[in-house]
């Protein structure tokens, strides 16, 4: 298991296609300090 960071600029909750797209576009804008949280496995439909 990966350790959670203690600080971040952006926290995104959920792992669907829209959330993944938002995370992608934020990184395209230059944000590199973001965390995406998903209840289960990314894109597994649990949210």
N, C-alpha and C. Protein backbone atom coordinates (compact mmCIF):
# COMPACT_ATOMS: atom_id res chain seq x y z
N UNK A 1 0.83 -1.17 0.00
CA UNK A 1 0.00 0.00 0.00
C UNK A 1 0.88 1.24 0.00
N UNK A 2 0.51 2.23 -0.78
CA UNK A 2 1.24 3.48 -0.86
C UNK A 2 0.83 4.39 0.29
N UNK A 3 1.80 5.04 0.89
CA UNK A 3 1.51 5.95 1.98
C UNK A 3 0.86 7.23 1.45
N UNK A 4 -0.16 7.73 2.16
CA UNK A 4 -0.85 8.94 1.76
C UNK A 4 0.00 10.15 2.08
N UNK A 5 0.04 11.13 1.18
CA UNK A 5 0.79 12.35 1.48
C UNK A 5 0.11 13.14 2.60
N UNK A 6 0.88 13.91 3.35
CA UNK A 6 0.30 14.71 4.43
C UNK A 6 -0.19 16.06 3.92
N UNK A 7 0.28 16.49 2.77
CA UNK A 7 -0.15 17.76 2.18
C UNK A 7 -0.30 17.61 0.67
N UNK A 8 -1.27 18.32 0.11
CA UNK A 8 -1.47 18.34 -1.33
C UNK A 8 -2.24 19.60 -1.69
N UNK A 9 -2.16 20.03 -2.93
CA UNK A 9 -2.92 21.20 -3.37
C UNK A 9 -4.35 20.84 -3.72
N UNK A 10 -4.55 19.66 -4.31
CA UNK A 10 -5.86 19.27 -4.80
C UNK A 10 -6.15 17.84 -4.38
N UNK A 11 -7.37 17.61 -3.87
CA UNK A 11 -7.83 16.25 -3.58
C UNK A 11 -9.08 16.03 -4.41
N UNK A 12 -9.08 14.98 -5.21
CA UNK A 12 -10.22 14.63 -6.05
C UNK A 12 -10.77 13.31 -5.53
N UNK A 13 -12.08 13.27 -5.26
CA UNK A 13 -12.70 12.07 -4.72
C UNK A 13 -13.57 11.43 -5.79
N UNK A 14 -13.32 10.17 -6.06
CA UNK A 14 -14.05 9.44 -7.08
C UNK A 14 -13.09 8.99 -8.17
N UNK A 15 -13.47 7.98 -8.92
CA UNK A 15 -12.53 7.46 -9.90
C UNK A 15 -13.13 7.16 -11.25
N UNK A 16 -14.24 7.79 -11.57
CA UNK A 16 -14.86 7.56 -12.87
C UNK A 16 -14.13 8.28 -13.99
N UNK A 17 -14.65 8.16 -15.18
CA UNK A 17 -14.02 8.76 -16.36
C UNK A 17 -13.98 10.28 -16.26
N UNK A 18 -15.02 10.88 -15.69
CA UNK A 18 -15.04 12.35 -15.57
C UNK A 18 -13.96 12.80 -14.60
N UNK A 19 -13.83 12.11 -13.48
CA UNK A 19 -12.83 12.46 -12.48
C UNK A 19 -11.42 12.26 -13.05
N UNK A 20 -11.22 11.19 -13.76
CA UNK A 20 -9.91 10.95 -14.38
C UNK A 20 -9.60 12.04 -15.39
N UNK A 21 -10.60 12.48 -16.13
CA UNK A 21 -10.41 13.56 -17.09
C UNK A 21 -10.07 14.87 -16.40
N UNK A 22 -10.73 15.15 -15.29
CA UNK A 22 -10.42 16.37 -14.52
C UNK A 22 -8.98 16.32 -14.03
N UNK A 23 -8.56 15.18 -13.48
CA UNK A 23 -7.18 15.03 -13.01
C UNK A 23 -6.20 15.21 -14.16
N UNK A 24 -6.50 14.62 -15.29
CA UNK A 24 -5.63 14.75 -16.46
C UNK A 24 -5.48 16.21 -16.88
N UNK A 25 -6.59 16.91 -16.98
CA UNK A 25 -6.55 18.30 -17.42
C UNK A 25 -5.87 19.21 -16.39
N UNK A 26 -6.02 18.91 -15.12
CA UNK A 26 -5.31 19.69 -14.11
C UNK A 26 -3.80 19.51 -14.25
N UNK A 27 -3.36 18.29 -14.54
CA UNK A 27 -1.92 18.08 -14.75
C UNK A 27 -1.45 18.75 -16.03
N UNK A 28 -2.30 18.79 -17.03
CA UNK A 28 -1.95 19.50 -18.27
C UNK A 28 -1.78 21.00 -18.01
N UNK A 29 -2.51 21.53 -17.03
CA UNK A 29 -2.39 22.94 -16.66
C UNK A 29 -1.19 23.20 -15.75
N UNK A 30 -0.49 22.14 -15.37
CA UNK A 30 0.73 22.29 -14.60
C UNK A 30 0.64 21.88 -13.14
N UNK A 31 -0.53 21.48 -12.66
CA UNK A 31 -0.65 21.02 -11.28
C UNK A 31 -0.07 19.61 -11.18
N UNK A 32 0.87 19.44 -10.30
CA UNK A 32 1.47 18.12 -10.13
C UNK A 32 1.23 17.58 -8.72
N UNK A 33 0.70 18.42 -7.84
CA UNK A 33 0.50 18.04 -6.45
C UNK A 33 -0.98 17.75 -6.21
N UNK A 34 -1.46 16.62 -6.76
CA UNK A 34 -2.85 16.26 -6.56
C UNK A 34 -2.97 14.79 -6.21
N UNK A 35 -4.06 14.50 -5.48
CA UNK A 35 -4.33 13.13 -5.05
C UNK A 35 -5.72 12.76 -5.52
N UNK A 36 -5.86 11.58 -6.12
CA UNK A 36 -7.15 11.06 -6.55
C UNK A 36 -7.51 9.90 -5.63
N UNK A 37 -8.64 10.01 -4.95
CA UNK A 37 -9.07 8.96 -4.02
C UNK A 37 -10.24 8.19 -4.60
N UNK A 38 -10.18 6.88 -4.50
CA UNK A 38 -11.25 6.00 -4.96
C UNK A 38 -11.49 4.96 -3.89
N UNK A 39 -12.75 4.60 -3.67
CA UNK A 39 -13.11 3.63 -2.64
C UNK A 39 -12.49 2.27 -2.90
N UNK A 40 -12.58 1.82 -4.11
CA UNK A 40 -12.03 0.51 -4.48
C UNK A 40 -10.89 0.68 -5.45
N UNK A 41 -11.02 0.03 -6.58
CA UNK A 41 -10.01 0.12 -7.64
C UNK A 41 -10.45 1.23 -8.60
N UNK A 42 -9.50 1.95 -9.16
CA UNK A 42 -9.80 3.04 -10.09
C UNK A 42 -10.67 2.53 -11.23
N UNK A 43 -11.76 3.22 -11.50
CA UNK A 43 -12.72 2.91 -12.57
C UNK A 43 -13.50 1.62 -12.33
N UNK A 44 -13.66 1.21 -11.08
CA UNK A 44 -14.39 -0.03 -10.81
C UNK A 44 -15.88 0.21 -10.56
N UNK A 45 -16.30 1.49 -10.51
CA UNK A 45 -17.72 1.80 -10.36
C UNK A 45 -18.26 1.76 -8.95
N UNK A 46 -17.40 1.89 -7.94
CA UNK A 46 -17.88 1.83 -6.56
C UNK A 46 -18.35 3.16 -6.03
N UNK A 47 -18.02 4.26 -6.71
CA UNK A 47 -18.45 5.58 -6.20
C UNK A 47 -19.81 5.95 -6.71
